[in-house]
Amino acid sequence: MQPKPSDDLYTGLTRLAPTLPSSAYWDAGAHGRDLDAIWYKSWLLVCREADLAQPLAFRTFRVGTQEIVVLRDEAGELRAFHNTCRHRGSQLCQESEGRLKARLLTCPYHAWSYSLRGDLVRVPSKSLPEGFDKADYPLYGVALSVWRGFVFINLAEDAAGSAEASFDRASGNLANWPLETLVTGHALRKVMNCNWKIFWENFNECLHCPGVHKDLSRLVPMYGRGLMTRHDDPEWARHADNDAPEYSGASLS
C-alpha cells in the first residue's frame, strides 16, 4: 500500500540555487573552512564497539589535520583522545590499530606516560621546572558517543549531547534492525583522490545514473529517470498508487 499523497513529502529542490564556486573544491582556504565548520564540530562515525571489544584495544583515525586515538581502558570504558603527547606533540600510538602492551600510553620520544583515562602519571626527567604539576598536563580529550553499537567522536571543545541527538529521520527507520548484535564481516577501505564534497554530491544524486550506471538503471528503472526515491519526483503524488518500477523504485524481477 502506497503512502497518502502529500506535497510535504517531496524531497527534491523547490527552488533553483547557484552551485558552489569551483574554488570550493580545490582551494586550501575553503577546505580549512569546511574542516572548522563541519568536520571539527560534527559527530563522526569511526568504528563499531565490537572493533574494540577487548580492554586495551585501540584504533587511530585522522580527521583533517587532527589524529585521534579511540581505546577501551582496563575497566572496559571507551575513551577518545588527541593522539599527541602534551610535551613535544609527538604521536603516541603509531599504529592504526592494535592492543596496548601496558595500561599506559607512553610517548616514544621522551617517555611521558599517561593512564588510559588520559592523566599524566609519569615524567622521567630528573629536572622539572618549579611548580610543575602532572595534573596540569592530561591528554586532550575528545567527546565520544555510542549509538546501538556504533562509536562516534566529536572534536568540538564544547561538544554536548549525543550523536543520536544530531541524527536526521533515518535513525528512526532503523528501529527494527538488530544493530547492536551485528559484527563487522568485511571492511573495504578506499582512498578517494578528490575533495570530500565531490564524493558526497555524487553519492547523493542519481542524475548521472542513466549515463554512467546503465546496468543499474535497467535493474532499478527509477534510477534511469535520474531519481533515487519516489519522493524525488516533483509529481510523485500523481503516481502514488502506481507500483510500476519506474515510479515505485522497485527492482525488475
Protein backbone atom coordinates (compact mmCIF):
# COMPACT_ATOMS: atom_id res chain seq x y z
CA MET A 1 0.00 0.00 0.00
CA GLN A 2 1.39 3.33 -1.05
CA PRO A 3 1.59 6.39 1.25
CA LYS A 4 -1.12 9.00 1.11
CA PRO A 5 -0.12 11.69 -1.39
CA SER A 6 1.24 14.81 0.24
CA ASP A 7 3.31 17.62 -1.18
CA ASP A 8 5.12 17.78 2.17
CA LEU A 9 6.92 14.51 1.36
CA TYR A 10 8.62 15.86 -1.76
CA THR A 11 12.37 15.70 -1.15
CA GLY A 12 13.70 17.49 -4.24
CA LEU A 13 14.53 21.12 -4.87
CA THR A 14 11.70 23.62 -4.56
CA ARG A 15 13.76 26.47 -5.99
CA LEU A 16 16.87 26.85 -8.10
CA ALA A 17 20.07 27.98 -6.43
CA PRO A 18 23.56 28.63 -7.80
CA THR A 19 26.14 25.91 -7.31
CA LEU A 20 29.28 26.42 -5.26
CA PRO A 21 32.18 28.17 -6.98
CA SER A 22 34.88 25.86 -8.30
CA SER A 23 37.30 27.16 -5.65
CA ALA A 24 35.19 25.41 -3.00
CA TYR A 25 36.59 22.12 -4.34
CA TRP A 26 40.29 22.92 -4.68
CA ASP A 27 41.17 25.99 -2.59
CA ALA A 28 43.09 25.20 0.60
CA GLY A 29 41.39 28.05 2.44
CA ALA A 30 37.95 26.72 1.51
CA HIS A 31 38.96 23.26 2.72
CA GLY A 32 40.10 24.74 6.02
CA ARG A 33 36.76 26.46 6.45
CA ASP A 34 34.98 23.15 5.75
CA LEU A 35 37.05 21.49 8.45
CA ASP A 36 36.33 24.21 11.01
CA ALA A 37 32.60 24.49 10.27
CA ILE A 38 31.73 20.82 9.70
CA TRP A 39 34.33 18.16 10.38
CA TYR A 40 35.63 19.61 13.64
CA LYS A 41 32.12 20.27 15.00
CA SER A 42 30.08 17.23 13.95
CA TRP A 43 29.60 13.73 15.30
CA LEU A 44 31.66 11.39 13.09
CA LEU A 45 31.32 7.61 12.90
CA VAL A 46 34.69 5.93 13.45
CA CYS A 47 34.10 2.26 14.26
CA ARG A 48 31.93 -0.35 15.95
CA GLU A 49 32.06 -1.15 19.65
CA ALA A 50 32.91 -4.73 18.70
CA ASP A 51 36.03 -3.48 16.90
CA LEU A 52 37.36 -2.52 20.34
CA ALA A 53 35.93 -5.45 22.24
CA GLN A 54 38.91 -6.20 24.50
CA PRO A 55 40.42 -3.94 27.16
CA LEU A 56 43.49 -2.06 25.86
CA ALA A 57 42.30 -2.33 22.23
CA PHE A 58 42.79 0.87 20.24
CA ARG A 59 42.33 2.42 16.82
CA THR A 60 43.59 5.69 15.40
CA PHE A 61 41.76 7.98 12.99
CA ARG A 62 42.70 11.13 11.09
CA VAL A 63 40.21 13.97 10.66
CA GLY A 64 41.70 16.81 8.66
CA THR A 65 44.93 17.76 10.43
CA GLN A 66 43.93 16.03 13.68
CA GLU A 67 44.72 12.45 14.68
CA ILE A 68 42.57 10.74 17.29
CA VAL A 69 43.06 7.54 19.27
CA VAL A 70 39.97 5.65 20.45
CA LEU A 71 40.59 2.94 23.04
CA ARG A 72 38.96 0.73 25.62
CA ASP A 73 40.51 1.20 29.04
CA GLU A 74 41.24 -1.52 31.58
CA ALA A 75 37.79 -1.07 33.14
CA GLY A 76 36.07 -1.60 29.79
CA GLU A 77 35.13 2.03 29.10
CA LEU A 78 35.59 3.57 25.67
CA ARG A 79 37.61 6.78 25.56
CA ALA A 80 38.98 9.09 22.87
CA PHE A 81 41.94 11.49 22.90
CA HIS A 82 44.03 13.53 20.53
CA ASN A 83 46.89 11.19 19.63
CA THR A 84 49.58 13.62 20.69
CA CYS A 85 51.84 13.98 23.70
CA ARG A 86 51.49 17.14 25.79
CA HIS A 87 55.28 17.52 25.97
CA ARG A 88 56.51 18.00 22.39
CA GLY A 89 53.47 16.88 20.40
CA SER A 90 54.85 13.51 19.39
CA GLN A 91 52.48 10.83 18.12
CA LEU A 92 51.54 8.41 20.92
CA CYS A 93 50.03 5.42 19.08
CA GLN A 94 51.92 4.94 15.84
CA GLU A 95 49.91 2.00 14.52
CA SER A 96 46.44 2.28 13.03
CA GLU A 97 45.02 -0.37 15.38
CA GLY A 98 46.10 -2.97 17.88
CA ARG A 99 46.26 -3.75 21.58
CA LEU A 100 48.36 -1.80 24.05
CA LYS A 101 51.08 -3.79 25.80
CA ALA A 102 50.51 -1.97 29.09
CA ARG A 103 47.86 0.07 30.85
CA LEU A 104 49.63 3.22 29.78
CA LEU A 105 50.01 5.40 26.72
CA THR A 106 53.74 6.11 26.61
CA CYS A 107 55.26 8.65 24.25
CA PRO A 108 58.06 7.07 22.18
CA TYR A 109 60.01 10.36 22.19
CA HIS A 110 60.62 11.34 25.84
CA ALA A 111 58.58 8.60 27.55
CA TRP A 112 55.91 10.74 29.16
CA SER A 113 53.26 8.22 30.20
CA TYR A 114 49.52 8.64 30.54
CA SER A 115 46.86 6.48 32.12
CA LEU A 116 44.11 5.22 29.84
CA ARG A 117 41.91 7.88 31.45
CA GLY A 118 44.25 10.47 29.95
CA ASP A 119 46.05 11.54 33.14
CA LEU A 120 49.78 12.22 33.01
CA VAL A 121 51.26 9.75 35.51
CA ARG A 122 54.98 9.56 34.74
CA VAL A 123 57.66 12.03 33.62
CA PRO A 124 61.16 10.51 33.52
CA SER A 125 63.04 13.83 33.53
CA LYS A 126 65.08 14.41 36.67
CA SER A 127 64.90 18.17 36.28
CA LEU A 128 61.44 19.70 36.18
CA PRO A 129 60.51 23.38 36.27
CA GLU A 130 59.42 24.79 39.60
CA GLY A 131 55.70 24.35 40.18
CA PHE A 132 55.34 21.64 37.55
CA ASP A 133 52.22 19.58 38.29
CA LYS A 134 51.40 16.46 36.27
CA ALA A 135 47.70 17.15 36.84
CA ASP A 136 48.01 20.20 34.57
CA TYR A 137 49.00 18.10 31.55
CA PRO A 138 46.40 15.45 30.77
CA LEU A 139 45.80 14.32 27.21
CA TYR A 140 43.37 16.42 25.22
CA GLY A 141 40.11 14.51 25.40
CA VAL A 142 37.65 14.05 22.55
CA ALA A 143 33.90 13.65 23.04
CA LEU A 144 32.69 10.10 22.39
CA SER A 145 29.17 8.75 21.96
CA VAL A 146 27.87 5.25 21.29
CA TRP A 147 24.63 4.59 19.44
CA ARG A 148 23.47 0.99 19.06
CA GLY A 149 27.00 -0.36 18.74
CA PHE A 150 28.34 2.46 16.56
CA VAL A 151 31.11 4.66 18.01
CA PHE A 152 31.13 8.39 17.19
CA ILE A 153 33.55 11.17 18.08
CA ASN A 154 33.21 14.95 18.08
CA LEU A 155 36.28 17.20 18.05
CA ALA A 156 34.48 20.34 19.21
CA GLU A 157 35.72 21.58 22.59
CA ASP A 158 32.15 22.30 23.64
CA ALA A 159 30.59 19.14 22.20
CA ALA A 160 27.43 18.32 24.13
CA GLY A 161 24.64 15.80 23.96
CA SER A 162 24.89 12.57 22.00
CA ALA A 163 25.47 11.53 18.42
CA GLU A 164 21.87 10.33 18.22
CA ALA A 165 20.58 13.82 19.05
CA SER A 166 22.18 15.08 15.84
CA PHE A 167 20.62 12.41 13.60
CA ASP A 168 18.07 13.08 10.90
CA ARG A 169 14.97 10.92 10.49
CA ALA A 170 16.95 7.96 9.12
CA SER A 171 17.81 6.66 12.59
CA GLY A 172 14.12 6.04 13.30
CA ASN A 173 13.82 3.98 10.14
CA LEU A 174 16.35 1.52 11.59
CA ALA A 175 14.38 0.79 14.77
CA ASN A 176 13.60 -2.81 13.79
CA TRP A 177 17.16 -3.71 12.81
CA PRO A 178 19.24 -5.55 15.47
CA LEU A 179 22.17 -3.18 15.01
CA GLU A 180 23.64 -3.85 18.46
CA THR A 181 24.29 -7.52 17.65
CA LEU A 182 25.93 -7.01 14.26
CA VAL A 183 29.64 -7.60 13.78
CA THR A 184 31.94 -6.43 11.01
CA GLY A 185 32.17 -9.19 8.41
CA HIS A 186 34.32 -7.36 5.89
CA ALA A 187 35.92 -3.95 5.59
CA LEU A 188 36.76 -2.21 2.32
CA ARG A 189 38.90 0.92 2.53
CA LYS A 190 39.48 3.13 -0.47
CA VAL A 191 41.26 6.47 -0.61
CA MET A 192 39.36 8.91 -2.81
CA ASN A 193 41.65 11.41 -4.53
CA CYS A 194 39.13 14.23 -4.55
CA ASN A 195 37.58 16.90 -2.38
CA TRP A 196 35.13 15.36 0.07
CA LYS A 197 32.18 17.30 -1.38
CA ILE A 198 32.64 15.77 -4.83
CA PHE A 199 32.28 12.27 -3.42
CA TRP A 200 29.20 13.08 -1.35
CA GLU A 201 27.48 15.13 -4.03
CA ASN A 202 27.87 12.23 -6.45
CA PHE A 203 26.59 9.76 -3.86
CA ASN A 204 23.53 11.88 -3.04
CA GLU A 205 22.09 12.17 -6.54
CA CYS A 206 21.23 9.91 -9.43
CA LEU A 207 21.12 12.44 -12.24
CA HIS A 208 24.26 10.75 -13.55
CA CYS A 209 22.79 7.24 -13.32
CA PRO A 210 21.26 6.96 -16.83
CA GLY A 211 24.59 7.75 -18.47
CA VAL A 212 27.10 6.26 -16.03
CA HIS A 213 25.22 3.33 -14.46
CA LYS A 214 23.31 1.86 -17.38
CA ASP A 215 23.13 -1.68 -15.98
CA LEU A 216 21.98 -0.41 -12.58
CA SER A 217 19.36 1.77 -14.25
CA ARG A 218 18.00 -1.25 -16.08
CA LEU A 219 17.83 -3.13 -12.78
CA VAL A 220 16.15 -0.21 -10.96
CA PRO A 221 14.19 1.72 -13.62
CA MET A 222 13.63 4.71 -11.34
CA TYR A 223 17.38 5.36 -11.49
CA GLY A 224 17.03 5.58 -15.26
CA ARG A 225 14.83 8.63 -14.68
CA GLY A 226 17.60 10.26 -12.64
CA LEU A 227 15.71 9.71 -9.36
CA MET A 228 16.72 7.83 -6.22
CA THR A 229 13.37 7.59 -4.41
CA ARG A 230 9.70 8.08 -5.20
CA HIS A 231 9.67 11.43 -3.41
CA ASP A 232 12.43 12.89 -5.59
CA ASP A 233 9.82 13.28 -8.34
CA PRO A 234 8.06 16.68 -8.10
CA GLU A 235 4.91 14.96 -9.41
CA TRP A 236 5.24 11.88 -7.23
CA ALA A 237 1.75 12.31 -5.73
CA ARG A 238 0.19 11.71 -9.15
CA HIS A 239 1.84 8.27 -9.20
CA ALA A 240 1.48 7.41 -5.51
CA ASP A 241 -0.64 4.34 -6.26
CA ASN A 242 1.44 3.21 -9.23
CA ASP A 243 3.66 0.24 -8.34
CA ALA A 244 5.47 0.25 -11.69
CA PRO A 245 9.26 0.09 -11.07
CA GLU A 246 9.93 3.42 -12.78
CA TYR A 247 7.67 5.11 -10.19
CA SER A 248 7.97 2.96 -7.07
CA GLY A 249 11.70 2.35 -7.07
CA ALA A 250 11.29 -1.43 -7.02
CA SER A 251 13.68 -3.63 -8.98
CA LEU A 252 12.67 -5.56 -12.05
CA SER A 253 12.24 -9.26 -11.38
